Amino acid sequence: MKATLKNEIIKRLVEADGKPISGQQLADEFGISRTAIWKHMKQLQEKGYDFETVKKRGYILTATPDTVDDAKITVALETEKFGHRIIYEESMTSTQTIAHNQAQDGASEGTIVICEEQTAGRGRMMREWKSTKGKGIWMSVIFRPEIPPYEAPQFTLVAAVALTKAIDDVTGVRPEIKWPNDLLIQGKKCTGILTELQADPDRVNAIIMGIGINVNHEQADFDEEIKDIATSLKIVSGKHIDRAALVARILYYLEIYSAQYVKEGFEPIKSEWESYSCTIGSRIRATTLQDVFIGKAIGITKDGVLELQLDDGTIKGIYSADITLEK
């Protein structure tokens, strides 16, 4: 069954909003036989979609699976191109690895790779990323911006704003951004962003952005070593979150903000980033590959560099570091 046809059938049933649609009507719309429609409906049932069949009137969609499959995301999309190609599997080693391969093979901008669980998920500096099955959003997005490589790191900051707005829209919970690539709620991590490049010396060929969000985790889902520093959208909001709807909203804002960044630079987005930040104004410890700096984070530059005022008054630009808040 072609993914596009499957998605269109689901979309039609969702749009019907509880009214029956006949198999003949669907067959006529899609130019296939009623028998083919029946087979497609059986396949959808096997994937967790439930239907009520009203005699002589047709199908009513009564339940959808708690998944992030391409059909569920497509139904909720409000984008021009982001998410219009979705590579979905129940289990993957790493969405980031697969997205890199897809980008090298010419995958278009806005292609996403998404799954229910990763068996070898990773974060920054090759750290392991736990990807509990069916509880989070584990996806990678391919961007193809026409920018030089030195402008690529700001994409992490742009994405952080997009994710914050999407989460707020869907859940009513507004995370705080911890420079450079984490979202926190009540001081605990709920989201990580991993931005990687495929580039020539003078141009970016592709940005592959990995996004991991703890969505419907219970406290017991977290391993002992992270349970005190991790949280989920469900724990904070007290409600189960439609992950596919959240993915669609994330793609909506990623499309808007990435286009704005390419066209206008980071400056118009900078004030929004700072308004969401829990780093700015805080006393922090910045651990780089060579040194450790302690001071007050006073802002970020238009290039996304963190400005740290050291105790002697010196302003230090931090390009990449692990950040911890000092008590």
C-alpha atoms as a PDB file:
ATOM      1  CA  MET A   1       0.000   0.000   0.000  1.00  0.00           C
ATOM      2  CA  LYS A   2       1.550   3.308  -1.042  1.00  0.00           C
ATOM      3  CA  ALA A   3       2.128   5.687   1.844  1.00  0.00           C
ATOM      4  CA  THR A   4       0.573   8.591  -0.057  1.00  0.00           C
ATOM      5  CA  LEU A   5      -2.686   6.707  -0.666  1.00  0.00           C
ATOM      6  CA  LYS A   6      -2.799   5.484   2.918  1.00  0.00           C
ATOM      7  CA  ASN A   7      -2.336   9.046   4.135  1.00  0.00           C
ATOM      8  CA  GLU A   8      -5.049  10.367   1.827  1.00  0.00           C
ATOM      9  CA  ILE A   9      -7.566   7.759   3.004  1.00  0.00           C
ATOM     10  CA  ILE A  10      -6.880   8.612   6.647  1.00  0.00           C
ATOM     11  CA  LYS A  11      -7.051  12.323   5.873  1.00  0.00           C
ATOM     12  CA  ARG A  12     -10.463  11.936   4.208  1.00  0.00           C
ATOM     13  CA  LEU A  13     -11.824   9.969   7.154  1.00  0.00           C
ATOM     14  CA  VAL A  14     -10.510  12.546   9.652  1.00  0.00           C
ATOM     15  CA  GLU A  15     -11.985  15.412   7.639  1.00  0.00           C
ATOM     16  CA  ALA A  16     -15.358  13.624   7.617  1.00  0.00           C
ATOM     17  CA  ASP A  17     -15.473  14.301  11.375  1.00  0.00           C
ATOM     18  CA  GLY A  18     -17.561  11.297  12.360  1.00  0.00           C
ATOM     19  CA  LYS A  19     -19.712  11.152   9.240  1.00  0.00           C
ATOM     20  CA  PRO A  20     -19.564   7.930   7.200  1.00  0.00           C
ATOM     21  CA  ILE A  21     -17.756   7.790   3.863  1.00  0.00           C
ATOM     22  CA  SER A  22     -18.683   4.944   1.542  1.00  0.00           C
ATOM     23  CA  GLY A  23     -16.153   2.590   0.051  1.00  0.00           C
ATOM     24  CA  GLN A  24     -17.495   3.459  -3.381  1.00  0.00           C
ATOM     25  CA  GLN A  25     -16.912   7.167  -2.773  1.00  0.00           C
ATOM     26  CA  LEU A  26     -13.309   6.489  -1.729  1.00  0.00           C
ATOM     27  CA  ALA A  27     -12.825   4.173  -4.716  1.00  0.00           C
ATOM     28  CA  ASP A  28     -14.097   6.847  -7.093  1.00  0.00           C
ATOM     29  CA  GLU A  29     -11.911   9.549  -5.522  1.00  0.00           C
ATOM     30  CA  PHE A  30      -8.730   7.504  -5.738  1.00  0.00           C
ATOM     31  CA  GLY A  31      -9.465   5.682  -8.995  1.00  0.00           C
ATOM     32  CA  ILE A  32      -9.299   2.160  -7.592  1.00  0.00           C
ATOM     33  CA  SER A  33     -11.808  -0.638  -6.964  1.00  0.00           C
ATOM     34  CA  ARG A  34     -13.983  -1.019  -3.873  1.00  0.00           C
ATOM     35  CA  THR A  35     -12.170  -4.300  -3.217  1.00  0.00           C
ATOM     36  CA  ALA A  36      -8.857  -2.413  -3.179  1.00  0.00           C
ATOM     37  CA  ILE A  37     -10.326   0.094  -0.702  1.00  0.00           C
ATOM     38  CA  TRP A  38     -11.469  -2.765   1.528  1.00  0.00           C
ATOM     39  CA  LYS A  39      -7.951  -4.242   1.469  1.00  0.00           C
ATOM     40  CA  HIS A  40      -6.454  -0.885   2.366  1.00  0.00           C
ATOM     41  CA  MET A  41      -8.880  -0.529   5.276  1.00  0.00           C
ATOM     42  CA  LYS A  42      -7.850  -3.958   6.568  1.00  0.00           C
ATOM     43  CA  GLN A  43      -4.190  -2.924   6.390  1.00  0.00           C
ATOM     44  CA  LEU A  44      -4.959   0.256   8.310  1.00  0.00           C
ATOM     45  CA  GLN A  45      -6.755  -1.781  10.976  1.00  0.00           C
ATOM     46  CA  GLU A  46      -3.627  -3.890  11.341  1.00  0.00           C
ATOM     47  CA  LYS A  47      -1.709  -0.657  12.015  1.00  0.00           C
ATOM     48  CA  GLY A  48      -4.098   0.325  14.819  1.00  0.00           C
ATOM     49  CA  TYR A  49      -6.731   2.421  13.022  1.00  0.00           C
ATOM     50  CA  ASP A  50     -10.282   1.432  14.016  1.00  0.00           C
ATOM     51  CA  PHE A  51     -13.425   1.947  11.960  1.00  0.00           C
ATOM     52  CA  GLU A  52     -17.115   1.565  12.460  1.00  0.00           C
ATOM     53  CA  THR A  53     -18.872   0.244   9.358  1.00  0.00           C
ATOM     54  CA  VAL A  54     -22.363   1.668   8.894  1.00  0.00           C
ATOM     55  CA  LYS A  55     -24.441  -0.528   6.614  1.00  0.00           C
ATOM     56  CA  LYS A  56     -25.021   1.073   3.190  1.00  0.00           C
ATOM     57  CA  ARG A  57     -23.337   4.288   4.350  1.00  0.00           C
ATOM     58  CA  GLY A  58     -19.652   3.512   4.778  1.00  0.00           C
ATOM     59  CA  TYR A  59     -16.732   3.876   7.176  1.00  0.00           C
ATOM     60  CA  ILE A  60     -16.373   6.081  10.268  1.00  0.00           C
ATOM     61  CA  LEU A  61     -12.929   6.494  11.826  1.00  0.00           C
ATOM     62  CA  THR A  62     -13.301   5.731  15.541  1.00  0.00           C
ATOM     63  CA  ALA A  63      -9.714   5.465  16.816  1.00  0.00           C
ATOM     64  CA  THR A  64      -6.157   6.092  15.693  1.00  0.00           C
ATOM     65  CA  PRO A  65      -2.972   4.456  17.011  1.00  0.00           C
ATOM     66  CA  ASP A  66      -0.701   6.253  19.460  1.00  0.00           C
ATOM     67  CA  THR A  67       2.096   6.496  16.904  1.00  0.00           C
ATOM     68  CA  VAL A  68       4.088   9.051  14.927  1.00  0.00           C
ATOM     69  CA  ASP A  69       3.581   7.309  11.593  1.00  0.00           C
ATOM     70  CA  ASP A  70       3.458   9.236   8.342  1.00  0.00           C
ATOM     71  CA  ALA A  71      -0.350   9.094   8.063  1.00  0.00           C
ATOM     72  CA  LYS A  72      -0.938  10.701  11.468  1.00  0.00           C
ATOM     73  CA  ILE A  73       1.659  13.418  10.897  1.00  0.00           C
ATOM     74  CA  THR A  74       0.420  14.180   7.376  1.00  0.00           C
ATOM     75  CA  VAL A  75      -3.152  14.716   8.575  1.00  0.00           C
ATOM     76  CA  ALA A  76      -1.940  17.466  10.945  1.00  0.00           C
ATOM     77  CA  LEU A  77       0.581  19.187   8.623  1.00  0.00           C
ATOM     78  CA  GLU A  78       0.286  22.907   7.847  1.00  0.00           C
ATOM     79  CA  THR A  79       3.533  23.307   5.919  1.00  0.00           C
ATOM     80  CA  GLU A  80       4.492  23.961   2.315  1.00  0.00           C
ATOM     81  CA  LYS A  81       7.305  21.411   2.192  1.00  0.00           C
ATOM     82  CA  PHE A  82       8.495  20.304   5.641  1.00  0.00           C
ATOM     83  CA  GLY A  83       7.223  16.814   6.462  1.00  0.00           C
ATOM     84  CA  HIS A  84       5.916  16.156   2.969  1.00  0.00           C
ATOM     85  CA  ARG A  85       8.393  13.273   2.763  1.00  0.00           C
ATOM     86  CA  ILE A  86       8.432  11.125   5.883  1.00  0.00           C
ATOM     87  CA  ILE A  87      10.615   8.078   6.466  1.00  0.00           C
ATOM     88  CA  TYR A  88       9.010   6.159   9.330  1.00  0.00           C
ATOM     89  CA  GLU A  89       9.843   2.826  10.927  1.00  0.00           C
ATOM     90  CA  GLU A  90       8.799   1.496  14.295  1.00  0.00           C
ATOM     91  CA  SER A  91      12.434   0.913  15.279  1.00  0.00           C
ATOM     92  CA  MET A  92      15.649   2.445  13.936  1.00  0.00           C
ATOM     93  CA  THR A  93      19.266   2.420  15.057  1.00  0.00           C
ATOM     94  CA  SER A  94      19.540   6.222  14.849  1.00  0.00           C
ATOM     95  CA  THR A  95      17.368   8.659  12.905  1.00  0.00           C
ATOM     96  CA  GLN A  96      20.418  10.898  12.583  1.00  0.00           C
ATOM     97  CA  THR A  97      22.492   8.211  10.843  1.00  0.00           C
ATOM     98  CA  ILE A  98      19.678   7.376   8.425  1.00  0.00           C
ATOM     99  CA  ALA A  99      19.009  11.073   7.713  1.00  0.00           C
ATOM    100  CA  HIS A 100      22.691  11.606   6.894  1.00  0.00           C
ATOM    101  CA  ASN A 101      22.494   8.791   4.336  1.00  0.00           C
ATOM    102  CA  GLN A 102      19.257  10.208   2.914  1.00  0.00           C
ATOM    103  CA  ALA A 103      20.798  13.673   2.584  1.00  0.00           C
ATOM    104  CA  GLN A 104      23.816  12.269   0.775  1.00  0.00           C
ATOM    105  CA  ASP A 105      21.420  10.509  -1.604  1.00  0.00           C
ATOM    106  CA  GLY A 106      19.729  13.824  -2.431  1.00  0.00           C
ATOM    107  CA  ALA A 107      16.713  13.878  -0.074  1.00  0.00           C
ATOM    108  CA  SER A 108      14.816  17.138  -0.372  1.00  0.00           C
ATOM    109  CA  GLU A 109      14.657  19.874   2.264  1.00  0.00           C
ATOM    110  CA  GLY A 110      12.031  19.150   4.873  1.00  0.00           C
ATOM    111  CA  THR A 111      12.436  15.373   4.695  1.00  0.00           C
ATOM    112  CA  ILE A 112      12.087  13.856   8.151  1.00  0.00           C
ATOM    113  CA  VAL A 113      13.212  10.526   9.562  1.00  0.00           C
ATOM    114  CA  ILE A 114      11.191   9.430  12.588  1.00  0.00           C
ATOM    115  CA  CYS A 115      10.575   6.319  14.673  1.00  0.00           C
ATOM    116  CA  GLU A 116       8.991   4.973  17.840  1.00  0.00           C
ATOM    117  CA  GLU A 117      12.337   3.910  19.316  1.00  0.00           C
ATOM    118  CA  GLN A 118      16.052   4.191  18.590  1.00  0.00           C
ATOM    119  CA  THR A 119      18.397   1.367  19.509  1.00  0.00           C
ATOM    120  CA  ALA A 120      21.533   3.505  19.133  1.00  0.00           C
ATOM    121  CA  GLY A 121      20.366   7.088  19.624  1.00  0.00           C
ATOM    122  CA  ARG A 122      23.024   9.711  20.289  1.00  0.00           C
ATOM    123  CA  GLY A 123      23.355  13.280  21.453  1.00  0.00           C
ATOM    124  CA  ARG A 124      26.187  15.804  21.389  1.00  0.00           C
ATOM    125  CA  MET A 125      29.747  14.488  21.681  1.00  0.00           C
ATOM    126  CA  MET A 126      28.486  10.969  20.802  1.00  0.00           C
ATOM    127  CA  ARG A 127      26.717  10.624  24.151  1.00  0.00           C
ATOM    128  CA  GLU A 128      24.022   7.967  24.349  1.00  0.00           C
ATOM    129  CA  TRP A 129      20.426   9.211  24.035  1.00  0.00           C
ATOM    130  CA  LYS A 130      17.774   7.006  25.617  1.00  0.00           C
ATOM    131  CA  SER A 131      14.763   6.652  23.294  1.00  0.00           C
ATOM    132  CA  THR A 132      11.918   4.935  25.130  1.00  0.00           C
ATOM    133  CA  LYS A 133       9.584   3.139  22.717  1.00  0.00           C
ATOM    134  CA  GLY A 134       6.329   4.915  21.959  1.00  0.00           C
ATOM    135  CA  LYS A 135       6.877   7.668  24.530  1.00  0.00           C
ATOM    136  CA  GLY A 136       8.873  10.400  22.807  1.00  0.00           C
ATOM    137  CA  ILE A 137       9.633  12.160  19.563  1.00  0.00           C
ATOM    138  CA  TRP A 138      12.812  10.829  18.028  1.00  0.00           C
ATOM    139  CA  MET A 139      13.364  12.430  14.644  1.00  0.00           C
ATOM    140  CA  SER A 140      15.845  14.068  12.302  1.00  0.00           C
ATOM    141  CA  VAL A 141      15.051  16.861   9.851  1.00  0.00           C
ATOM    142  CA  ILE A 142      16.995  17.665   6.679  1.00  0.00           C
ATOM    143  CA  PHE A 143      17.567  21.341   5.835  1.00  0.00           C
ATOM    144  CA  ARG A 144      19.221  22.646   2.665  1.00  0.00           C
ATOM    145  CA  PRO A 145      19.816  26.347   3.359  1.00  0.00           C
ATOM    146  CA  GLU A 146      21.869  28.443   0.966  1.00  0.00           C
ATOM    147  CA  ILE A 147      24.300  29.722   3.584  1.00  0.00           C
ATOM    148  CA  PRO A 148      28.054  29.497   4.238  1.00  0.00           C
ATOM    149  CA  PRO A 149      29.160  26.912   6.858  1.00  0.00           C
ATOM    150  CA  TYR A 150      29.982  29.549   9.495  1.00  0.00           C
ATOM    151  CA  GLU A 151      26.279  30.488   9.664  1.00  0.00           C
ATOM    152  CA  ALA A 152      25.134  26.927  10.339  1.00  0.00           C
ATOM    153  CA  PRO A 153      25.602  26.770  14.158  1.00  0.00           C
ATOM    154  CA  GLN A 154      22.837  29.342  14.677  1.00  0.00           C
ATOM    155  CA  PHE A 155      20.372  26.793  13.277  1.00  0.00           C
ATOM    156  CA  THR A 156      20.432  25.136  16.712  1.00  0.00           C
ATOM    157  CA  LEU A 157      19.269  28.388  18.314  1.00  0.00           C
ATOM    158  CA  VAL A 158      16.654  28.943  15.608  1.00  0.00           C
ATOM    159  CA  ALA A 159      15.332  25.407  16.164  1.00  0.00           C
ATOM    160  CA  ALA A 160      15.178  25.954  19.937  1.00  0.00           C
ATOM    161  CA  VAL A 161      12.787  28.887  19.405  1.00  0.00           C
ATOM    162  CA  ALA A 162      10.661  26.833  16.984  1.00  0.00           C
ATOM    163  CA  LEU A 163      10.463  23.897  19.405  1.00  0.00           C
ATOM    164  CA  THR A 164       9.593  26.128  22.362  1.00  0.00           C
ATOM    165  CA  LYS A 165       6.712  27.743  20.469  1.00  0.00           C
ATOM    166  CA  ALA A 166       5.410  24.393  19.187  1.00  0.00           C
ATOM    167  CA  ILE A 167       5.467  22.785  22.629  1.00  0.00           C
ATOM    168  CA  ASP A 168       3.711  25.813  24.129  1.00  0.00           C
ATOM    169  CA  ASP A 169       1.028  25.709  21.398  1.00  0.00           C
ATOM    170  CA  VAL A 170       0.244  22.016  21.783  1.00  0.00           C
ATOM    171  CA  THR A 171       0.693  21.454  25.531  1.00  0.00           C
ATOM    172  CA  GLY A 172       0.332  24.864  27.184  1.00  0.00           C
ATOM    173  CA  VAL A 173       3.760  24.322  28.754  1.00  0.00           C
ATOM    174  CA  ARG A 174       6.521  26.775  27.804  1.00  0.00           C
ATOM    175  CA  PRO A 175      10.044  25.352  28.142  1.00  0.00           C
ATOM    176  CA  GLU A 176      13.128  27.447  28.783  1.00  0.00           C
ATOM    177  CA  ILE A 177      16.129  27.325  26.463  1.00  0.00           C
ATOM    178  CA  LYS A 178      19.479  26.336  27.935  1.00  0.00           C
ATOM    179  CA  TRP A 179      22.282  27.428  25.620  1.00  0.00           C
ATOM    180  CA  PRO A 180      23.174  25.950  23.245  1.00  0.00           C
ATOM    181  CA  ASN A 181      20.896  22.985  22.574  1.00  0.00           C
ATOM    182  CA  ASP A 182      18.591  21.924  25.425  1.00  0.00           C
ATOM    183  CA  LEU A 183      15.063  22.780  26.515  1.00  0.00           C
ATOM    184  CA  LEU A 184      14.285  22.616  30.226  1.00  0.00           C
ATOM    185  CA  ILE A 185      11.034  22.610  32.172  1.00  0.00           C
ATOM    186  CA  GLN A 186      11.213  23.430  35.877  1.00  0.00           C
ATOM    187  CA  GLY A 187      14.979  23.064  35.601  1.00  0.00           C
ATOM    188  CA  LYS A 188      14.853  19.544  34.145  1.00  0.00           C
ATOM    189  CA  LYS A 189      15.732  18.495  30.607  1.00  0.00           C
ATOM    190  CA  CYS A 190      12.915  17.512  28.260  1.00  0.00           C
ATOM    191  CA  THR A 191      14.461  18.150  24.831  1.00  0.00           C
ATOM    192  CA  GLY A 192      17.823  17.910  23.108  1.00  0.00           C
ATOM    193  CA  ILE A 193      18.883  19.224  19.698  1.00  0.00           C
ATOM    194  CA  LEU A 194      21.809  17.827  17.687  1.00  0.00           C
ATOM    195  CA  THR A 195      22.873  19.835  14.616  1.00  0.00           C
ATOM    196  CA  GLU A 196      25.319  18.292  12.148  1.00  0.00           C
ATOM    197  CA  LEU A 197      26.629  19.426   8.754  1.00  0.00           C
ATOM    198  CA  GLN A 198      27.350  18.102   5.324  1.00  0.00           C
ATOM    199  CA  ALA A 199      29.330  20.919   3.732  1.00  0.00           C
ATOM    200  CA  ASP A 200      31.965  22.031   1.270  1.00  0.00           C
ATOM    201  CA  PRO A 201      34.446  24.715   2.376  1.00  0.00           C
ATOM    202  CA  ASP A 202      32.271  27.496   0.967  1.00  0.00           C
ATOM    203  CA  ARG A 203      28.704  26.193   1.216  1.00  0.00           C
ATOM    204  CA  VAL A 204      26.359  24.031   3.247  1.00  0.00           C
ATOM    205  CA  ASN A 205      25.024  21.026   1.374  1.00  0.00           C
ATOM    206  CA  ALA A 206      22.732  19.894   4.172  1.00  0.00           C
ATOM    207  CA  ILE A 207      22.051  20.418   7.854  1.00  0.00           C
ATOM    208  CA  ILE A 208      20.849  17.293   9.614  1.00  0.00           C
ATOM    209  CA  MET A 209      19.088  18.180  12.836  1.00  0.00           C
ATOM    210  CA  GLY A 210      18.303  15.507  15.406  1.00  0.00           C
ATOM    211  CA  ILE A 211      15.478  16.288  17.828  1.00  0.00           C
ATOM    212  CA  GLY A 212      14.701  14.216  20.909  1.00  0.00           C
ATOM    213  CA  ILE A 213      11.742  15.100  23.126  1.00  0.00           C
ATOM    214  CA  ASN A 214      10.506  13.328  26.245  1.00  0.00           C
ATOM    215  CA  VAL A 215       6.763  13.513  25.609  1.00  0.00           C
ATOM    216  CA  ASN A 216       4.626  10.889  27.355  1.00  0.00           C
ATOM    217  CA  HIS A 217       7.198   9.453  29.746  1.00  0.00           C
ATOM    218  CA  GLU A 218       6.228   8.589  33.296  1.00  0.00           C
ATOM    219  CA  GLN A 219       8.843   9.171  35.998  1.00  0.00           C
ATOM    220  CA  ALA A 220       9.493   5.412  36.123  1.00  0.00           C
ATOM    221  CA  ASP A 221      10.530   5.447  32.444  1.00  0.00           C
ATOM    222  CA  PHE A 222      13.749   7.303  33.237  1.00  0.00           C
ATOM    223  CA  ASP A 223      16.900   5.406  34.202  1.00  0.00           C
ATOM    224  CA  GLU A 224      18.318   5.906  37.669  1.00  0.00           C
ATOM    225  CA  GLU A 225      21.176   8.123  36.462  1.00  0.00           C
ATOM    226  CA  ILE A 226      18.891  10.702  34.805  1.00  0.00           C
ATOM    227  CA  LYS A 227      15.628  10.504  36.754  1.00  0.00           C
ATOM    228  CA  ASP A 228      16.499  13.563  38.867  1.00  0.00           C
ATOM    229  CA  ILE A 229      17.477  15.737  35.889  1.00  0.00           C
ATOM    230  CA  ALA A 230      14.947  14.653  33.236  1.00  0.00           C
ATOM    231  CA  THR A 231      11.245  15.307  32.813  1.00  0.00           C
ATOM    232  CA  SER A 232       8.537  14.938  30.180  1.00  0.00           C
ATOM    233  CA  LEU A 233       5.720  17.028  28.765  1.00  0.00           C
ATOM    234  CA  LYS A 234       3.190  14.608  30.257  1.00  0.00           C
ATOM    235  CA  ILE A 235       4.720  14.785  33.743  1.00  0.00           C
ATOM    236  CA  VAL A 236       4.602  18.583  33.702  1.00  0.00           C
ATOM    237  CA  SER A 237       1.247  19.091  31.941  1.00  0.00           C
ATOM    238  CA  GLY A 238      -0.545  16.175  33.581  1.00  0.00           C
ATOM    239  CA  LYS A 239      -2.013  15.046  30.267  1.00  0.00           C
ATOM    240  CA  HIS A 240      -1.257  12.624  27.446  1.00  0.00           C
ATOM    241  CA  ILE A 241       0.141  14.464  24.404  1.00  0.00           C
ATOM    242  CA  ASP A 242      -0.651  13.672  20.765  1.00  0.00           C
ATOM    243  CA  ARG A 243       2.902  13.204  19.510  1.00  0.00           C
ATOM    244  CA  ALA A 244       2.000  13.364  15.812  1.00  0.00           C
ATOM    245  CA  ALA A 245       0.217  16.689  16.301  1.00  0.00           C
ATOM    246  CA  LEU A 246       3.293  18.018  18.114  1.00  0.00           C
ATOM    247  CA  VAL A 247       5.583  16.851  15.297  1.00  0.00           C
ATOM    248  CA  ALA A 248       3.394  18.662  12.763  1.00  0.00           C
ATOM    249  CA  ARG A 249       3.508  21.863  14.824  1.00  0.00           C
ATOM    250  CA  ILE A 250       7.285  21.624  15.201  1.00  0.00           C
ATOM    251  CA  LEU A 251       7.649  21.304  11.422  1.00  0.00           C
ATOM    252  CA  TYR A 252       5.382  24.334  10.965  1.00  0.00           C
ATOM    253  CA  TYR A 253       7.643  26.546  13.070  1.00  0.00           C
ATOM    254  CA  LEU A 254      10.890  25.039  11.741  1.00  0.00           C
ATOM    255  CA  GLU A 255       9.790  25.931   8.219  1.00  0.00           C
ATOM    256  CA  ILE A 256       8.915  29.505   9.205  1.00  0.00           C
ATOM    257  CA  TYR A 257      11.971  30.253  11.341  1.00  0.00           C
ATOM    258  CA  SER A 258      14.564  28.550   9.125  1.00  0.00           C
ATOM    259  CA  ALA A 259      13.302  30.522   6.126  1.00  0.00           C
ATOM    260  CA  GLN A 260      13.401  33.749   8.161  1.00  0.00           C
ATOM    261  CA  TYR A 261      16.958  33.029   9.301  1.00  0.00           C
ATOM    262  CA  VAL A 262      18.196  32.385   5.754  1.00  0.00           C
ATOM    263  CA  LYS A 263      16.507  35.558   4.507  1.00  0.00           C
ATOM    264  CA  GLU A 264      17.111  37.980   7.393  1.00  0.00           C
ATOM    265  CA  GLY A 265      19.823  36.466   9.599  1.00  0.00           C
ATOM    266  CA  PHE A 266      19.640  35.673  13.302  1.00  0.00           C
ATOM    267  CA  GLU A 267      19.077  39.216  14.564  1.00  0.00           C
ATOM    268  CA  PRO A 268      15.216  39.187  14.238  1.00  0.00           C
ATOM    269  CA  ILE A 269      15.031  35.851  16.099  1.00  0.00           C
ATOM    270  CA  LYS A 270      17.621  36.734  18.761  1.00  0.00           C
ATOM    271  CA  SER A 271      15.227  38.646  21.046  1.00  0.00           C
ATOM    272  CA  GLU A 272      12.761  35.737  21.048  1.00  0.00           C
ATOM    273  CA  TRP A 273      15.549  33.325  21.903  1.00  0.00           C
ATOM    274  CA  GLU A 274      16.668  35.513  24.796  1.00  0.00           C
ATOM    275  CA  SER A 275      13.101  35.848  26.106  1.00  0.00           C
ATOM    276  CA  TYR A 276      12.887  32.045  26.399  1.00  0.00           C
ATOM    277  CA  SER A 277      16.388  31.568  27.802  1.00  0.00           C
ATOM    278  CA  CYS A 278      17.174  30.366  31.312  1.00  0.00           C
ATOM    279  CA  THR A 279      20.890  30.875  30.639  1.00  0.00           C
ATOM    280  CA  ILE A 280      20.934  34.651  30.186  1.00  0.00           C
ATOM    281  CA  GLY A 281      21.287  36.428  33.519  1.00  0.00           C
ATOM    282  CA  SER A 282      22.446  33.290  35.329  1.00  0.00           C
ATOM    283  CA  ARG A 283      25.813  32.504  36.854  1.00  0.00           C
ATOM    284  CA  ILE A 284      27.134  29.523  34.935  1.00  0.00           C
ATOM    285  CA  ARG A 285      30.083  27.189  34.495  1.00  0.00           C
ATOM    286  CA  ALA A 286      31.131  26.750  30.855  1.00  0.00           C
ATOM    287  CA  THR A 287      33.302  23.700  30.224  1.00  0.00           C
ATOM    288  CA  THR A 288      35.064  23.787  26.857  1.00  0.00           C
ATOM    289  CA  LEU A 289      37.473  21.217  25.439  1.00  0.00           C
ATOM    290  CA  GLN A 290      40.427  23.214  26.840  1.00  0.00           C
ATOM    291  CA  ASP A 291      39.179  25.311  29.781  1.00  0.00           C
ATOM    292  CA  VAL A 292      36.508  25.973  32.375  1.00  0.00           C
ATOM    293  CA  PHE A 293      35.039  29.481  32.657  1.00  0.00           C
ATOM    294  CA  ILE A 294      32.738  30.706  35.431  1.00  0.00           C
ATOM    295  CA  GLY A 295      30.775  33.920  35.261  1.00  0.00           C
ATOM    296  CA  LYS A 296      27.460  35.550  34.441  1.00  0.00           C
ATOM    297  CA  ALA A 297      25.850  34.915  31.050  1.00  0.00           C
ATOM    298  CA  ILE A 298      24.933  38.397  29.829  1.00  0.00           C
ATOM    299  CA  GLY A 299      23.642  37.638  26.337  1.00  0.00           C
ATOM    300  CA  ILE A 300      24.329  36.150  22.929  1.00  0.00           C
ATOM    301  CA  THR A 301      25.754  37.867  19.875  1.00  0.00           C
ATOM    302  CA  LYS A 302      24.020  38.079  16.502  1.00  0.00           C
ATOM    303  CA  ASP A 303      26.139  35.057  15.580  1.00  0.00           C
ATOM    304  CA  GLY A 304      24.791  33.030  18.515  1.00  0.00           C
ATOM    305  CA  VAL A 305      27.975  33.196  20.599  1.00  0.00           C
ATOM    306  CA  LEU A 306      27.332  33.166  24.356  1.00  0.00           C
ATOM    307  CA  GLU A 307      28.776  36.206  26.141  1.00  0.00           C
ATOM    308  CA  LEU A 308      30.118  35.371  29.580  1.00  0.00           C
ATOM    309  CA  GLN A 309      31.196  38.114  31.993  1.00  0.00           C
ATOM    310  CA  LEU A 310      33.975  36.674  34.153  1.00  0.00           C
ATOM    311  CA  ASP A 311      34.493  37.714  37.758  1.00  0.00           C
ATOM    312  CA  ASP A 312      37.247  40.161  36.749  1.00  0.00           C
ATOM    313  CA  GLY A 313      34.838  41.921  34.393  1.00  0.00           C
ATOM    314  CA  THR A 314      36.279  40.430  31.203  1.00  0.00           C
ATOM    315  CA  ILE A 315      33.729  39.438  28.528  1.00  0.00           C
ATOM    316  CA  LYS A 316      34.466  35.974  27.147  1.00  0.00           C
ATOM    317  CA  GLY A 317      32.810  34.654  23.981  1.00  0.00           C
ATOM    318  CA  ILE A 318      31.814  30.996  24.306  1.00  0.00           C
ATOM    319  CA  TYR A 319      31.383  29.212  20.981  1.00  0.00           C
ATOM    320  CA  SER A 320      30.842  25.668  22.237  1.00  0.00           C
ATOM    321  CA  ALA A 321      30.691  24.311  25.778  1.00  0.00           C
ATOM    322  CA  ASP A 322      28.833  22.224  28.306  1.00  0.00           C
ATOM    323  CA  ILE A 323      26.866  24.613  30.508  1.00  0.00           C
ATOM    324  CA  THR A 324      25.860  24.092  34.126  1.00  0.00           C
ATOM    325  CA  LEU A 325      24.108  26.616  36.331  1.00  0.00           C
ATOM    326  CA  GLU A 326      26.085  27.616  39.385  1.00  0.00           C
ATOM    327  CA  LYS A 327      24.239  27.718  42.716  1.00  0.00           C
END
